[in-house]
């Protein structure tokens, strides 16, 4: 079986270099410490991206 490339966020994550992955994790976690309700913003955006990718 051939592995098809992942779609959405995980597909973009696979394309990042190791240094960029570290920077991305920091940029994702930092707002949660600064403003805890931002978790809901992240979750809403993840749901939106998932629905958008399924429609295509």
PDB file of N, CA and C in Angstrom:
ATOM      1  N   UNK A   1       0.833  -1.189   0.000  1.00  0.00           N
ATOM      2  CA  UNK A   1       0.000   0.000   0.000  1.00  0.00           C
ATOM      3  C   UNK A   1       0.875   1.249   0.000  1.00  0.00           C
ATOM      4  N   UNK A   2       0.507   2.190  -0.812  1.00  0.00           N
ATOM      5  CA  UNK A   2       1.233   3.455  -0.845  1.00  0.00           C
ATOM      6  C   UNK A   2       0.629   4.408   0.172  1.00  0.00           C
ATOM      7  N   UNK A   3       1.494   5.142   0.831  1.00  0.00           N
ATOM      8  CA  UNK A   3       1.011   6.141   1.778  1.00  0.00           C
ATOM      9  C   UNK A   3       0.696   7.421   1.023  1.00  0.00           C
ATOM     10  N   UNK A   4      -0.539   7.861   1.119  1.00  0.00           N
ATOM     11  CA  UNK A   4      -0.894   9.121   0.475  1.00  0.00           C
ATOM     12  C   UNK A   4      -0.507  10.262   1.402  1.00  0.00           C
ATOM     13  N   UNK A   5      -0.152  11.412   0.840  1.00  0.00           N
ATOM     14  CA  UNK A   5       0.213  12.539   1.701  1.00  0.00           C
ATOM     15  C   UNK A   5      -0.969  12.990   2.544  1.00  0.00           C
ATOM     16  N   UNK A   6      -0.671  13.425   3.749  1.00  0.00           N
ATOM     17  CA  UNK A   6      -1.733  13.877   4.642  1.00  0.00           C
ATOM     18  C   UNK A   6      -2.258  15.226   4.194  1.00  0.00           C
ATOM     19  N   UNK A   7      -3.511  15.479   4.552  1.00  0.00           N
ATOM     20  CA  UNK A   7      -4.144  16.743   4.195  1.00  0.00           C
ATOM     21  C   UNK A   7      -4.260  17.617   5.428  1.00  0.00           C
ATOM     22  N   UNK A   8      -4.543  18.864   5.210  1.00  0.00           N
ATOM     23  CA  UNK A   8      -4.810  19.781   6.313  1.00  0.00           C
ATOM     24  C   UNK A   8      -3.576  20.122   7.116  1.00  0.00           C
ATOM     25  N   UNK A   9      -3.785  20.305   8.417  1.00  0.00           N
ATOM     26  CA  UNK A   9      -2.715  20.745   9.313  1.00  0.00           C
ATOM     27  C   UNK A   9      -1.554  19.762   9.346  1.00  0.00           C
ATOM     28  N   UNK A  10      -1.852  18.470   9.409  1.00  0.00           N
ATOM     29  CA  UNK A  10      -0.778  17.483   9.503  1.00  0.00           C
ATOM     30  C   UNK A  10       0.047  17.423   8.228  1.00  0.00           C
ATOM     31  N   UNK A  11      -0.576  17.667   7.105  1.00  0.00           N
ATOM     32  CA  UNK A  11       0.173  17.715   5.856  1.00  0.00           C
ATOM     33  C   UNK A  11       1.144  18.877   5.833  1.00  0.00           C
ATOM     34  N   UNK A  12       0.697  20.020   6.329  1.00  0.00           N
ATOM     35  CA  UNK A  12       1.581  21.179   6.413  1.00  0.00           C
ATOM     36  C   UNK A  12       2.679  20.934   7.441  1.00  0.00           C
ATOM     37  N   UNK A  13       2.336  20.266   8.526  1.00  0.00           N
ATOM     38  CA  UNK A  13       3.313  19.983   9.577  1.00  0.00           C
ATOM     39  C   UNK A  13       4.441  19.111   9.029  1.00  0.00           C
ATOM     40  N   UNK A  14       4.120  18.137   8.189  1.00  0.00           N
ATOM     41  CA  UNK A  14       5.136  17.248   7.621  1.00  0.00           C
ATOM     42  C   UNK A  14       6.125  17.999   6.741  1.00  0.00           C
ATOM     43  N   UNK A  15       5.702  19.110   6.158  1.00  0.00           N
ATOM     44  CA  UNK A  15       6.564  19.872   5.254  1.00  0.00           C
ATOM     45  C   UNK A  15       7.560  20.769   5.990  1.00  0.00           C
ATOM     46  N   UNK A  16       7.335  21.012   7.281  1.00  0.00           N
ATOM     47  CA  UNK A  16       8.190  21.928   8.031  1.00  0.00           C
ATOM     48  C   UNK A  16       9.534  21.290   8.377  1.00  0.00           C
ATOM     49  N   UNK A  17      10.569  22.144   8.433  1.00  0.00           N
ATOM     50  CA  UNK A  17      11.877  21.685   8.886  1.00  0.00           C
ATOM     51  C   UNK A  17      11.845  21.536  10.407  1.00  0.00           C
ATOM     52  N   UNK A  18      12.804  20.811  10.981  1.00  0.00           N
ATOM     53  CA  UNK A  18      12.799  20.635  12.444  1.00  0.00           C
ATOM     54  C   UNK A  18      12.828  21.953  13.223  1.00  0.00           C
ATOM     55  N   UNK A  19      13.597  22.933  12.767  1.00  0.00           N
ATOM     56  CA  UNK A  19      13.648  24.221  13.466  1.00  0.00           C
ATOM     57  C   UNK A  19      12.309  24.942  13.383  1.00  0.00           C
ATOM     58  N   UNK A  20      11.654  24.843  12.250  1.00  0.00           N
ATOM     59  CA  UNK A  20      10.353  25.497  12.101  1.00  0.00           C
ATOM     60  C   UNK A  20       9.291  24.793  12.943  1.00  0.00           C
ATOM     61  N   UNK A  21       9.418  23.482  13.132  1.00  0.00           N
ATOM     62  CA  UNK A  21       8.474  22.759  13.997  1.00  0.00           C
ATOM     63  C   UNK A  21       8.588  23.252  15.433  1.00  0.00           C
ATOM     64  N   UNK A  22       9.825  23.486  15.892  1.00  0.00           N
ATOM     65  CA  UNK A  22      10.026  24.008  17.247  1.00  0.00           C
ATOM     66  C   UNK A  22       9.402  25.386  17.375  1.00  0.00           C
ATOM     67  N   UNK A  23       9.634  26.241  16.374  1.00  0.00           N
ATOM     68  CA  UNK A  23       9.057  27.589  16.404  1.00  0.00           C
ATOM     69  C   UNK A  23       7.530  27.526  16.377  1.00  0.00           C
ATOM     70  N   UNK A  24       6.974  26.623  15.589  1.00  0.00           N
ATOM     71  CA  UNK A  24       5.516  26.504  15.499  1.00  0.00           C
ATOM     72  C   UNK A  24       4.916  26.049  16.825  1.00  0.00           C
ATOM     73  N   UNK A  25       5.564  25.114  17.493  1.00  0.00           N
ATOM     74  CA  UNK A  25       5.062  24.642  18.790  1.00  0.00           C
ATOM     75  C   UNK A  25       5.083  25.776  19.805  1.00  0.00           C
ATOM     76  N   UNK A  26       6.167  26.549  19.815  1.00  0.00           N
ATOM     77  CA  UNK A  26       6.249  27.686  20.736  1.00  0.00           C
ATOM     78  C   UNK A  26       5.144  28.691  20.441  1.00  0.00           C
ATOM     79  N   UNK A  27       4.918  28.978  19.169  1.00  0.00           N
ATOM     80  CA  UNK A  27       3.884  29.950  18.804  1.00  0.00           C
ATOM     81  C   UNK A  27       2.474  29.429  19.070  1.00  0.00           C
ATOM     82  N   UNK A  28       2.300  28.120  19.111  1.00  0.00           N
ATOM     83  CA  UNK A  28       0.990  27.556  19.455  1.00  0.00           C
ATOM     84  C   UNK A  28       0.754  27.541  20.960  1.00  0.00           C
ATOM     85  N   UNK A  29       1.806  27.279  21.725  1.00  0.00           N
ATOM     86  CA  UNK A  29       1.654  27.148  23.175  1.00  0.00           C
ATOM     87  C   UNK A  29       1.668  28.496  23.888  1.00  0.00           C
ATOM     88  N   UNK A  30       2.467  29.433  23.432  1.00  0.00           N
ATOM     89  CA  UNK A  30       2.608  30.726  24.102  1.00  0.00           C
ATOM     90  C   UNK A  30       1.283  31.455  24.306  1.00  0.00           C
ATOM     91  N   UNK A  31       0.423  31.572  23.296  1.00  0.00           N
ATOM     92  CA  UNK A  31      -0.854  32.267  23.524  1.00  0.00           C
ATOM     93  C   UNK A  31      -1.750  31.575  24.557  1.00  0.00           C
ATOM     94  N   UNK A  32      -1.630  30.265  24.699  1.00  0.00           N
ATOM     95  CA  UNK A  32      -2.452  29.555  25.685  1.00  0.00           C
ATOM     96  C   UNK A  32      -2.067  29.983  27.098  1.00  0.00           C
ATOM     97  N   UNK A  33      -0.768  30.182  27.340  1.00  0.00           N
ATOM     98  CA  UNK A  33      -0.331  30.656  28.655  1.00  0.00           C
ATOM     99  C   UNK A  33      -0.705  32.116  28.876  1.00  0.00           C
ATOM    100  N   UNK A  34      -0.666  32.905  27.801  1.00  0.00           N
ATOM    101  CA  UNK A  34      -0.961  34.329  27.930  1.00  0.00           C
ATOM    102  C   UNK A  34      -2.467  34.589  28.034  1.00  0.00           C
ATOM    103  N   UNK A  35      -3.251  33.784  27.327  1.00  0.00           N
ATOM    104  CA  UNK A  35      -4.705  33.996  27.279  1.00  0.00           C
ATOM    105  C   UNK A  35      -5.389  32.633  27.173  1.00  0.00           C
ATOM    106  N   UNK A  36      -5.686  31.985  28.306  1.00  0.00           N
ATOM    107  CA  UNK A  36      -6.228  30.611  28.291  1.00  0.00           C
ATOM    108  C   UNK A  36      -7.457  30.385  27.410  1.00  0.00           C
ATOM    109  N   UNK A  37      -8.395  31.339  27.258  1.00  0.00           N
ATOM    110  CA  UNK A  37      -9.532  31.064  26.361  1.00  0.00           C
ATOM    111  C   UNK A  37      -9.144  30.885  24.892  1.00  0.00           C
ATOM    112  N   UNK A  38      -7.877  31.170  24.545  1.00  0.00           N
ATOM    113  CA  UNK A  38      -7.452  30.983  23.157  1.00  0.00           C
ATOM    114  C   UNK A  38      -7.523  29.517  22.739  1.00  0.00           C
ATOM    115  N   UNK A  39      -7.617  28.600  23.701  1.00  0.00           N
ATOM    116  CA  UNK A  39      -7.787  27.178  23.374  1.00  0.00           C
ATOM    117  C   UNK A  39      -9.035  26.992  22.521  1.00  0.00           C
ATOM    118  N   UNK A  40     -10.100  27.696  22.862  1.00  0.00           N
ATOM    119  CA  UNK A  40     -11.341  27.582  22.094  1.00  0.00           C
ATOM    120  C   UNK A  40     -11.172  28.123  20.678  1.00  0.00           C
ATOM    121  N   UNK A  41     -10.370  29.159  20.530  1.00  0.00           N
ATOM    122  CA  UNK A  41     -10.096  29.702  19.194  1.00  0.00           C
ATOM    123  C   UNK A  41      -9.359  28.660  18.362  1.00  0.00           C
ATOM    124  N   UNK A  42      -8.338  28.016  18.945  1.00  0.00           N
ATOM    125  CA  UNK A  42      -7.592  26.976  18.235  1.00  0.00           C
ATOM    126  C   UNK A  42      -8.495  25.810  17.844  1.00  0.00           C
ATOM    127  N   UNK A  43      -9.323  25.369  18.775  1.00  0.00           N
ATOM    128  CA  UNK A  43     -10.216  24.245  18.485  1.00  0.00           C
ATOM    129  C   UNK A  43     -11.212  24.593  17.387  1.00  0.00           C
ATOM    130  N   UNK A  44     -11.755  25.796  17.447  1.00  0.00           N
ATOM    131  CA  UNK A  44     -12.681  26.236  16.406  1.00  0.00           C
ATOM    132  C   UNK A  44     -12.018  26.288  15.046  1.00  0.00           C
ATOM    133  N   UNK A  45     -10.791  26.772  15.012  1.00  0.00           N
ATOM    134  CA  UNK A  45     -10.065  26.855  13.745  1.00  0.00           C
ATOM    135  C   UNK A  45      -9.739  25.457  13.215  1.00  0.00           C
ATOM    136  N   UNK A  46      -9.385  24.530  14.099  1.00  0.00           N
ATOM    137  CA  UNK A  46      -9.098  23.160  13.674  1.00  0.00           C
ATOM    138  C   UNK A  46     -10.338  22.497  13.086  1.00  0.00           C
ATOM    139  N   UNK A  47     -11.488  22.717  13.704  1.00  0.00           N
ATOM    140  CA  UNK A  47     -12.740  22.168  13.176  1.00  0.00           C
ATOM    141  C   UNK A  47     -13.045  22.778  11.816  1.00  0.00           C
ATOM    142  N   UNK A  48     -12.851  24.081  11.697  1.00  0.00           N
ATOM    143  CA  UNK A  48     -13.092  24.762  10.423  1.00  0.00           C
ATOM    144  C   UNK A  48     -12.202  24.190   9.320  1.00  0.00           C
ATOM    145  N   UNK A  49     -10.908  24.001   9.610  1.00  0.00           N
ATOM    146  CA  UNK A  49      -9.999  23.457   8.602  1.00  0.00           C
ATOM    147  C   UNK A  49     -10.376  22.030   8.217  1.00  0.00           C
ATOM    148  N   UNK A  50     -10.791  21.242   9.178  1.00  0.00           N
ATOM    149  CA  UNK A  50     -11.195  19.864   8.890  1.00  0.00           C
ATOM    150  C   UNK A  50     -12.418  19.835   7.984  1.00  0.00           C
ATOM    151  N   UNK A  51     -13.395  20.653   8.291  1.00  0.00           N
ATOM    152  CA  UNK A  51     -14.599  20.705   7.455  1.00  0.00           C
ATOM    153  C   UNK A  51     -14.280  21.228   6.062  1.00  0.00           C
ATOM    154  N   UNK A  52     -13.409  22.223   5.984  1.00  0.00           N
ATOM    155  CA  UNK A  52     -13.038  22.788   4.689  1.00  0.00           C
ATOM    156  C   UNK A  52     -12.333  21.744   3.832  1.00  0.00           C
ATOM    157  N   UNK A  53     -11.427  20.965   4.434  1.00  0.00           N
ATOM    158  CA  UNK A  53     -10.693  19.953   3.673  1.00  0.00           C
ATOM    159  C   UNK A  53     -11.600  18.815   3.222  1.00  0.00           C
ATOM    160  N   UNK A  54     -12.614  18.485   3.993  1.00  0.00           N
ATOM    161  CA  UNK A  54     -13.531  17.405   3.604  1.00  0.00           C
ATOM    162  C   UNK A  54     -14.408  17.806   2.432  1.00  0.00           C
ATOM    163  N   UNK A  55     -14.701  19.078   2.297  1.00  0.00           N
ATOM    164  CA  UNK A  55     -15.550  19.538   1.191  1.00  0.00           C
ATOM    165  C   UNK A  55     -14.825  19.484  -0.141  1.00  0.00           C
ATOM    166  N   UNK A  56     -13.503  19.579  -0.117  1.00  0.00           N
ATOM    167  CA  UNK A  56     -12.733  19.606  -1.371  1.00  0.00           C
ATOM    168  C   UNK A  56     -12.564  18.241  -1.969  1.00  0.00           C
TER     169      UNK A  56
END
